Amino acid sequence: MAGETEELVRIARGGVLLTVWAYGAGWPQGRVAGRLHAEGWQRICRGAWAAPGKDVDWRVRARAHQLLRPELVCSHGTAAALHRIEVLGGRGVGAGVGPPVGQEAREELDFTVPRPGASSRTAEGVRVHSTEFLAEGDCVMRGGLRATSPARTVGDLIRGCGTRERAVVVADSALSRRTVRGIRREPLVHREELAVELSAPRPGAARARRWLRLADPACGSPAETVARLRMRDAGLRPESQPLLHTRAGRSLRPDFLFRVEGLAVEIEGYAFHGSRQAHDRDIRRYNELADCPEVRRVLRFTARDVFHRPDSVIATIWGVLGQLGS
């Protein structure tokens, strides 16, 4: 029995075993599931198992589904998670703002298949999008999984976004240098690439092109994106991430600066900046910002303020701008 299990571990790919491979190794049909369960294999979905002790996260689940159906391409929220593109809201893999690895193991996976037809969901937490438009250049390999490219992923997401905020958060994230779930990455796309992606006459493209014009590669987090959009709605136009220097010569970039009035605005919150250590560094920046000649006053808001109390944030900013301008 131990030898048979070792053989199955050898033929598994990335810790994933398909039932048909067990049949090919000589295991009898009809009794495979019981024997695999008894030996500690974990059922991922119908026809696929994870090796004993393997952490069955969303990547393992995606691998299993692609092994079962090679035509499936990771897309939408699942591709966003692979590329580390931040997505605001929703329920699938990649949704929320940088969920810690491991918490999304049972979230819905997104795939696209290159064929016409309606999108569908399965009982095993999989959403399959159908499309007539999926060129070879729209697909890349990430972490052993076939996925839509960053430009195609952003295009799919913002064409289908229900709100401006979700669309611009996705675009800002892909266009900018970010630290996502503790990993620093470079910008994934250029604005010109997204403009080309959104130029095709597809459902939602016209609205997506309008939203793309609101994107700002200087933005540093989803909370900053939403804050910028709320300020824009209120008629406020601060600079995003301008380069300043303290009197001692240290370089700093506040999240926003109203240069004429000398007001710097910082959006805080370790849950959105990646760690408590990053949050502590943000707090220390407060005193250094106050030492910049261009800054007369610093306002700090939490990400929770931005998402749940935006009217209060805007009223506070207007109030301080009035004081500094009087």
Protein backbone atom coordinates (compact mmCIF):
# COMPACT_ATOMS: atom_id res chain seq x y z
CA MET A 1 0.00 0.00 0.00
CA ALA A 2 2.81 2.41 0.88
CA GLY A 3 4.45 1.72 -2.47
CA GLU A 4 1.23 2.49 -4.32
CA THR A 5 0.85 5.79 -2.49
CA GLU A 6 4.42 6.75 -3.30
CA GLU A 7 3.73 5.98 -6.96
CA LEU A 8 0.70 8.30 -6.93
CA VAL A 9 2.74 11.07 -5.31
CA ARG A 10 5.29 10.70 -8.11
CA ILE A 11 2.71 10.99 -10.89
CA ALA A 12 0.88 13.91 -9.23
CA ARG A 13 1.63 17.37 -10.62
CA GLY A 14 2.27 20.09 -8.10
CA GLY A 15 0.71 17.86 -5.45
CA VAL A 16 -2.47 17.39 -7.54
CA LEU A 17 -3.61 13.94 -8.68
CA LEU A 18 -6.37 13.30 -11.18
CA THR A 19 -8.51 10.22 -10.67
CA VAL A 20 -7.87 9.13 -14.26
CA TRP A 21 -4.14 9.04 -13.50
CA ALA A 22 -4.82 6.67 -10.60
CA TYR A 23 -6.76 4.45 -13.01
CA GLY A 24 -3.81 4.54 -15.38
CA ALA A 25 -1.52 3.46 -12.53
CA GLY A 26 -3.65 0.35 -12.05
CA TRP A 27 -5.94 1.43 -9.23
CA PRO A 28 -9.37 -0.22 -9.62
CA GLN A 29 -12.28 1.95 -10.72
CA GLY A 30 -15.05 2.25 -8.15
CA ARG A 31 -12.74 1.94 -5.15
CA VAL A 32 -10.27 4.74 -5.80
CA ALA A 33 -12.07 7.43 -3.77
CA GLY A 34 -12.30 5.28 -0.64
CA ARG A 35 -8.66 4.23 -0.83
CA LEU A 36 -7.44 7.77 -1.44
CA HIS A 37 -9.48 9.05 1.52
CA ALA A 38 -8.09 6.29 3.70
CA GLU A 39 -4.54 7.25 2.81
CA GLY A 40 -5.00 10.94 3.53
CA TRP A 41 -5.55 12.33 0.04
CA GLN A 42 -7.85 15.36 -0.01
CA ARG A 43 -10.64 15.79 -2.52
CA ILE A 44 -10.28 19.12 -4.34
CA CYS A 45 -13.18 18.71 -6.75
CA ARG A 46 -14.73 15.91 -8.73
CA GLY A 47 -11.87 14.01 -10.37
CA ALA A 48 -8.98 15.73 -8.55
CA TRP A 49 -7.16 15.14 -5.27
CA ALA A 50 -4.43 16.87 -3.28
CA ALA A 51 -1.54 14.94 -1.77
CA PRO A 52 -1.70 14.14 1.96
CA GLY A 53 -0.79 17.17 4.08
CA LYS A 54 -0.83 19.62 1.17
CA ASP A 55 -2.42 23.02 1.85
CA VAL A 56 -5.38 23.17 -0.53
CA ASP A 57 -5.41 26.89 -1.25
CA TRP A 58 -6.97 28.63 -4.24
CA ARG A 59 -3.86 28.12 -6.35
CA VAL A 60 -4.03 24.36 -5.86
CA ARG A 61 -7.73 24.39 -6.69
CA ALA A 62 -7.05 26.42 -9.84
CA ARG A 63 -4.32 23.98 -10.87
CA ALA A 64 -6.70 21.05 -10.42
CA HIS A 65 -9.38 22.63 -12.60
CA GLN A 66 -6.87 23.46 -15.33
CA LEU A 67 -5.54 19.90 -15.30
CA LEU A 68 -9.09 18.62 -15.67
CA ARG A 69 -9.98 21.20 -18.33
CA PRO A 70 -6.87 22.55 -20.10
CA GLU A 71 -8.95 25.10 -22.02
CA LEU A 72 -9.65 27.04 -18.80
CA VAL A 73 -7.67 30.27 -18.41
CA CYS A 74 -7.48 31.97 -15.00
CA SER A 75 -9.13 35.37 -15.39
CA HIS A 76 -10.88 38.25 -13.60
CA GLY A 77 -10.37 38.04 -9.83
CA THR A 78 -8.25 34.88 -9.96
CA ALA A 79 -5.87 36.39 -12.53
CA ALA A 80 -5.79 39.59 -10.47
CA ALA A 81 -4.64 37.59 -7.45
CA LEU A 82 -1.92 35.90 -9.53
CA HIS A 83 -0.65 39.26 -10.84
CA ARG A 84 -1.12 40.94 -7.43
CA ILE A 85 -3.59 43.46 -8.74
CA GLU A 86 -5.73 44.80 -5.90
CA VAL A 87 -9.48 44.45 -6.31
CA LEU A 88 -11.99 46.29 -4.17
CA GLY A 89 -15.02 44.39 -2.89
CA GLY A 90 -16.64 41.27 -4.29
CA ARG A 91 -16.47 37.65 -3.14
CA GLY A 92 -14.05 35.81 -5.42
CA VAL A 93 -10.34 35.08 -5.16
CA GLY A 94 -8.50 38.41 -5.27
CA ALA A 95 -11.50 40.34 -3.97
CA GLY A 96 -11.20 42.69 -1.02
CA VAL A 97 -7.99 44.65 -0.55
CA GLY A 98 -5.00 42.33 -0.28
CA PRO A 99 -6.53 39.48 1.79
CA PRO A 100 -3.86 37.50 3.65
CA VAL A 101 -2.81 34.35 1.84
CA GLY A 102 -4.89 31.41 3.09
CA GLN A 103 -8.10 33.29 3.80
CA GLU A 104 -9.39 32.98 0.24
CA ALA A 105 -8.97 29.20 -0.10
CA ARG A 106 -12.70 28.59 -0.52
CA GLU A 107 -13.56 31.69 -2.51
CA GLU A 108 -14.94 31.46 -6.02
CA LEU A 109 -12.44 30.92 -8.82
CA ASP A 110 -12.71 32.74 -12.17
CA PHE A 111 -11.82 31.17 -15.51
CA THR A 112 -12.38 32.18 -19.11
CA VAL A 113 -12.87 29.82 -22.06
CA PRO A 114 -12.39 30.95 -25.67
CA ARG A 115 -15.86 30.22 -27.00
CA PRO A 116 -19.15 32.08 -27.38
CA GLY A 117 -21.83 31.58 -24.79
CA ALA A 118 -23.04 32.73 -21.41
CA SER A 119 -20.96 32.74 -18.23
CA SER A 120 -21.82 30.01 -15.74
CA ARG A 121 -21.16 28.88 -12.19
CA THR A 122 -20.58 25.34 -10.93
CA ALA A 123 -21.42 23.86 -7.56
CA GLU A 124 -17.71 23.68 -6.74
CA GLY A 125 -17.02 27.42 -6.48
CA VAL A 126 -16.02 28.02 -10.09
CA ARG A 127 -17.25 30.74 -12.42
CA VAL A 128 -16.55 30.23 -16.11
CA HIS A 129 -16.68 33.26 -18.43
CA SER A 130 -17.16 32.61 -22.13
CA THR A 131 -15.67 34.90 -24.76
CA GLU A 132 -15.13 35.01 -28.50
CA PHE A 133 -12.14 37.29 -27.95
CA LEU A 134 -9.17 35.53 -26.36
CA ALA A 135 -6.00 35.72 -28.45
CA GLU A 136 -2.82 33.83 -27.59
CA GLY A 137 -1.24 37.17 -26.68
CA ASP A 138 -3.92 37.66 -24.04
CA CYS A 139 -2.55 34.72 -22.03
CA VAL A 140 0.58 34.29 -19.89
CA MET A 141 1.91 31.77 -17.38
CA ARG A 142 2.00 32.80 -13.72
CA GLY A 143 3.03 30.41 -10.98
CA GLY A 144 2.43 27.41 -13.22
CA LEU A 145 -1.08 28.55 -14.10
CA ARG A 146 -2.31 29.87 -17.46
CA ALA A 147 -3.85 33.27 -16.89
CA THR A 148 -4.99 36.32 -18.77
CA SER A 149 -2.26 38.95 -19.16
CA PRO A 150 -2.23 41.96 -16.82
CA ALA A 151 -3.71 44.22 -19.52
CA ARG A 152 -6.45 41.73 -20.40
CA THR A 153 -7.15 41.11 -16.70
CA VAL A 154 -7.57 44.83 -15.99
CA GLY A 155 -9.71 45.20 -19.11
CA ASP A 156 -12.00 42.33 -18.12
CA LEU A 157 -12.36 43.66 -14.59
CA ILE A 158 -13.10 47.29 -15.34
CA ARG A 159 -15.40 46.48 -18.27
CA GLY A 160 -17.43 44.43 -15.83
CA CYS A 161 -17.11 46.69 -12.78
CA GLY A 162 -20.34 47.97 -11.33
CA THR A 163 -18.82 51.09 -9.80
CA ARG A 164 -16.29 53.73 -10.70
CA GLU A 165 -14.37 53.12 -7.45
CA ARG A 166 -13.81 49.42 -8.17
CA ALA A 167 -12.72 50.16 -11.73
CA VAL A 168 -10.22 52.88 -10.82
CA VAL A 169 -8.79 50.87 -7.90
CA VAL A 170 -7.95 48.06 -10.34
CA ALA A 171 -6.44 50.43 -12.92
CA ASP A 172 -4.40 52.36 -10.32
CA SER A 173 -3.07 49.14 -8.83
CA ALA A 174 -1.92 47.73 -12.16
CA LEU A 175 -0.38 51.02 -13.30
CA SER A 176 1.64 51.68 -10.16
CA ARG A 177 4.55 50.24 -8.22
CA ARG A 178 3.01 48.49 -5.21
CA THR A 179 3.66 46.27 -2.22
CA VAL A 180 0.84 43.72 -2.26
CA ARG A 181 0.62 41.10 0.49
CA GLY A 182 4.16 41.88 1.52
CA ILE A 183 5.70 41.56 -1.95
CA ARG A 184 7.04 44.58 -3.81
CA ARG A 185 6.32 44.62 -7.53
CA GLU A 186 6.83 47.00 -10.44
CA PRO A 187 4.00 48.49 -12.53
CA LEU A 188 2.30 45.75 -14.54
CA VAL A 189 0.98 47.75 -17.48
CA HIS A 190 1.23 51.16 -19.15
CA ARG A 191 -1.75 53.39 -19.70
CA GLU A 192 -1.27 52.99 -23.47
CA GLU A 193 -1.65 49.21 -23.16
CA LEU A 194 -4.92 49.63 -21.29
CA ALA A 195 -6.15 52.14 -23.85
CA VAL A 196 -5.52 49.57 -26.61
CA GLU A 197 -7.19 46.82 -24.57
CA LEU A 198 -10.29 48.97 -24.03
CA SER A 199 -10.48 50.19 -27.64
CA ALA A 200 -12.27 47.05 -28.82
CA PRO A 201 -16.08 47.43 -29.07
CA ARG A 202 -17.05 45.10 -26.23
CA PRO A 203 -19.79 45.45 -23.60
CA GLY A 204 -18.77 47.98 -20.96
CA ALA A 205 -15.79 49.30 -22.96
CA ALA A 206 -17.05 52.88 -23.41
CA ARG A 207 -17.68 53.29 -19.69
CA ALA A 208 -14.34 51.64 -18.89
CA ARG A 209 -12.52 54.14 -21.13
CA ARG A 210 -14.08 57.02 -19.19
CA TRP A 211 -13.01 55.46 -15.91
CA LEU A 212 -9.48 54.85 -17.20
CA ARG A 213 -9.05 58.61 -17.61
CA LEU A 214 -9.43 58.89 -13.82
CA ALA A 215 -6.54 56.52 -13.09
CA ASP A 216 -3.38 57.87 -11.47
CA PRO A 217 -0.15 55.80 -11.53
CA ALA A 218 1.18 57.89 -8.62
CA CYS A 219 -1.48 56.47 -6.30
CA GLY A 220 -0.14 54.15 -3.61
CA SER A 221 -3.11 52.11 -2.33
CA PRO A 222 -6.81 51.35 -2.88
CA ALA A 223 -7.72 53.65 0.01
CA GLU A 224 -5.81 56.49 -1.64
CA THR A 225 -7.65 55.84 -4.90
CA VAL A 226 -11.03 56.07 -3.22
CA ALA A 227 -9.97 59.17 -1.25
CA ARG A 228 -8.83 60.85 -4.46
CA LEU A 229 -12.13 60.11 -6.19
CA ARG A 230 -14.14 61.40 -3.23
CA MET A 231 -12.07 64.61 -3.18
CA ARG A 232 -12.53 65.00 -6.91
CA ASP A 233 -16.30 64.71 -6.48
CA ALA A 234 -16.09 67.50 -3.90
CA GLY A 235 -14.12 69.78 -6.23
CA LEU A 236 -10.75 69.16 -4.57
CA ARG A 237 -7.67 68.62 -6.75
CA PRO A 238 -4.59 67.85 -4.61
CA GLU A 239 -1.29 66.57 -6.01
CA SER A 240 -0.76 62.82 -5.57
CA GLN A 241 2.54 61.63 -4.08
CA PRO A 242 4.56 64.82 -4.77
CA LEU A 243 8.26 64.71 -3.90
CA LEU A 244 9.14 66.83 -0.85
CA HIS A 245 12.25 67.19 1.30
CA THR A 246 12.64 67.84 4.99
CA ARG A 247 14.95 70.63 6.11
CA ALA A 248 17.54 67.94 6.76
CA GLY A 249 17.25 66.75 3.14
CA ARG A 250 15.21 63.56 3.65
CA SER A 251 12.91 62.76 0.71
CA LEU A 252 9.22 62.15 1.39
CA ARG A 253 6.08 61.70 -0.68
CA PRO A 254 2.84 62.53 1.13
CA ASP A 255 -0.25 60.81 -0.22
CA PHE A 256 -1.78 64.18 -1.17
CA LEU A 257 -0.66 67.81 -1.04
CA PHE A 258 -2.64 71.02 -1.39
CA ARG A 259 0.45 73.03 -2.22
CA VAL A 260 -1.00 76.54 -2.10
CA GLU A 261 -2.46 76.05 1.38
CA GLY A 262 0.39 73.84 2.60
CA LEU A 263 -1.91 70.95 3.61
CA ALA A 264 -0.62 67.37 3.41
CA VAL A 265 -3.14 64.53 3.67
CA GLU A 266 -2.10 61.01 4.67
CA ILE A 267 -4.25 57.87 4.46
CA GLU A 268 -3.21 55.45 7.21
CA GLY A 269 -4.09 51.92 8.30
CA TYR A 270 -1.90 48.82 8.53
CA ALA A 271 -4.63 46.61 7.10
CA PHE A 272 -4.22 48.43 3.80
CA HIS A 273 -0.48 49.15 3.94
CA GLY A 274 0.49 45.51 4.41
CA SER A 275 1.76 45.20 8.01
CA ARG A 276 1.87 46.80 11.43
CA GLN A 277 5.52 47.66 10.77
CA ALA A 278 4.50 49.64 7.69
CA HIS A 279 1.83 51.36 9.76
CA ASP A 280 4.45 52.32 12.37
CA ARG A 281 6.64 53.81 9.65
CA ASP A 282 3.67 55.85 8.41
CA ILE A 283 3.16 57.26 11.89
CA ARG A 284 6.82 58.27 12.13
CA ARG A 285 6.47 60.05 8.81
CA TYR A 286 4.04 62.47 10.40
CA ASN A 287 6.76 64.42 12.20
CA GLU A 288 9.02 64.39 9.16
CA LEU A 289 6.24 65.73 6.93
CA ALA A 290 5.71 68.58 9.36
CA ASP A 291 9.39 69.44 8.85
CA CYS A 292 8.97 69.98 5.08
CA PRO A 293 8.94 73.70 4.14
CA GLU A 294 5.92 73.21 1.86
CA VAL A 295 3.80 71.72 4.68
CA ARG A 296 1.96 73.86 7.20
CA ARG A 297 -0.48 71.21 8.42
CA VAL A 298 -0.84 67.42 8.17
CA LEU A 299 -4.15 65.58 8.25
CA ARG A 300 -4.26 61.81 8.76
CA PHE A 301 -7.23 59.57 8.02
CA THR A 302 -7.60 55.83 8.34
CA ALA A 303 -8.65 53.65 5.44
CA ARG A 304 -11.82 52.94 7.43
CA ASP A 305 -12.53 56.68 7.45
CA VAL A 306 -12.18 56.76 3.67
CA PHE A 307 -14.41 53.75 3.01
CA HIS A 308 -17.05 54.29 5.67
CA ARG A 309 -17.00 58.01 6.61
CA PRO A 310 -16.06 59.83 3.40
CA ASP A 311 -18.34 62.81 4.07
CA SER A 312 -16.55 63.47 7.35
CA VAL A 313 -13.16 63.22 5.62
CA ILE A 314 -14.16 65.76 2.97
CA ALA A 315 -15.70 68.14 5.51
CA THR A 316 -12.52 68.06 7.61
CA ILE A 317 -10.31 68.78 4.60
CA TRP A 318 -12.50 71.67 3.50
CA GLY A 319 -12.47 73.07 7.01
CA VAL A 320 -8.69 73.01 7.33
CA LEU A 321 -8.22 74.44 3.84
CA GLY A 322 -10.47 77.30 4.89
CA GLN A 323 -8.41 77.94 8.01
CA LEU A 324 -5.10 77.85 6.12
CA GLY A 325 -6.41 80.07 3.36
CA SER A 326 -7.85 82.73 5.64
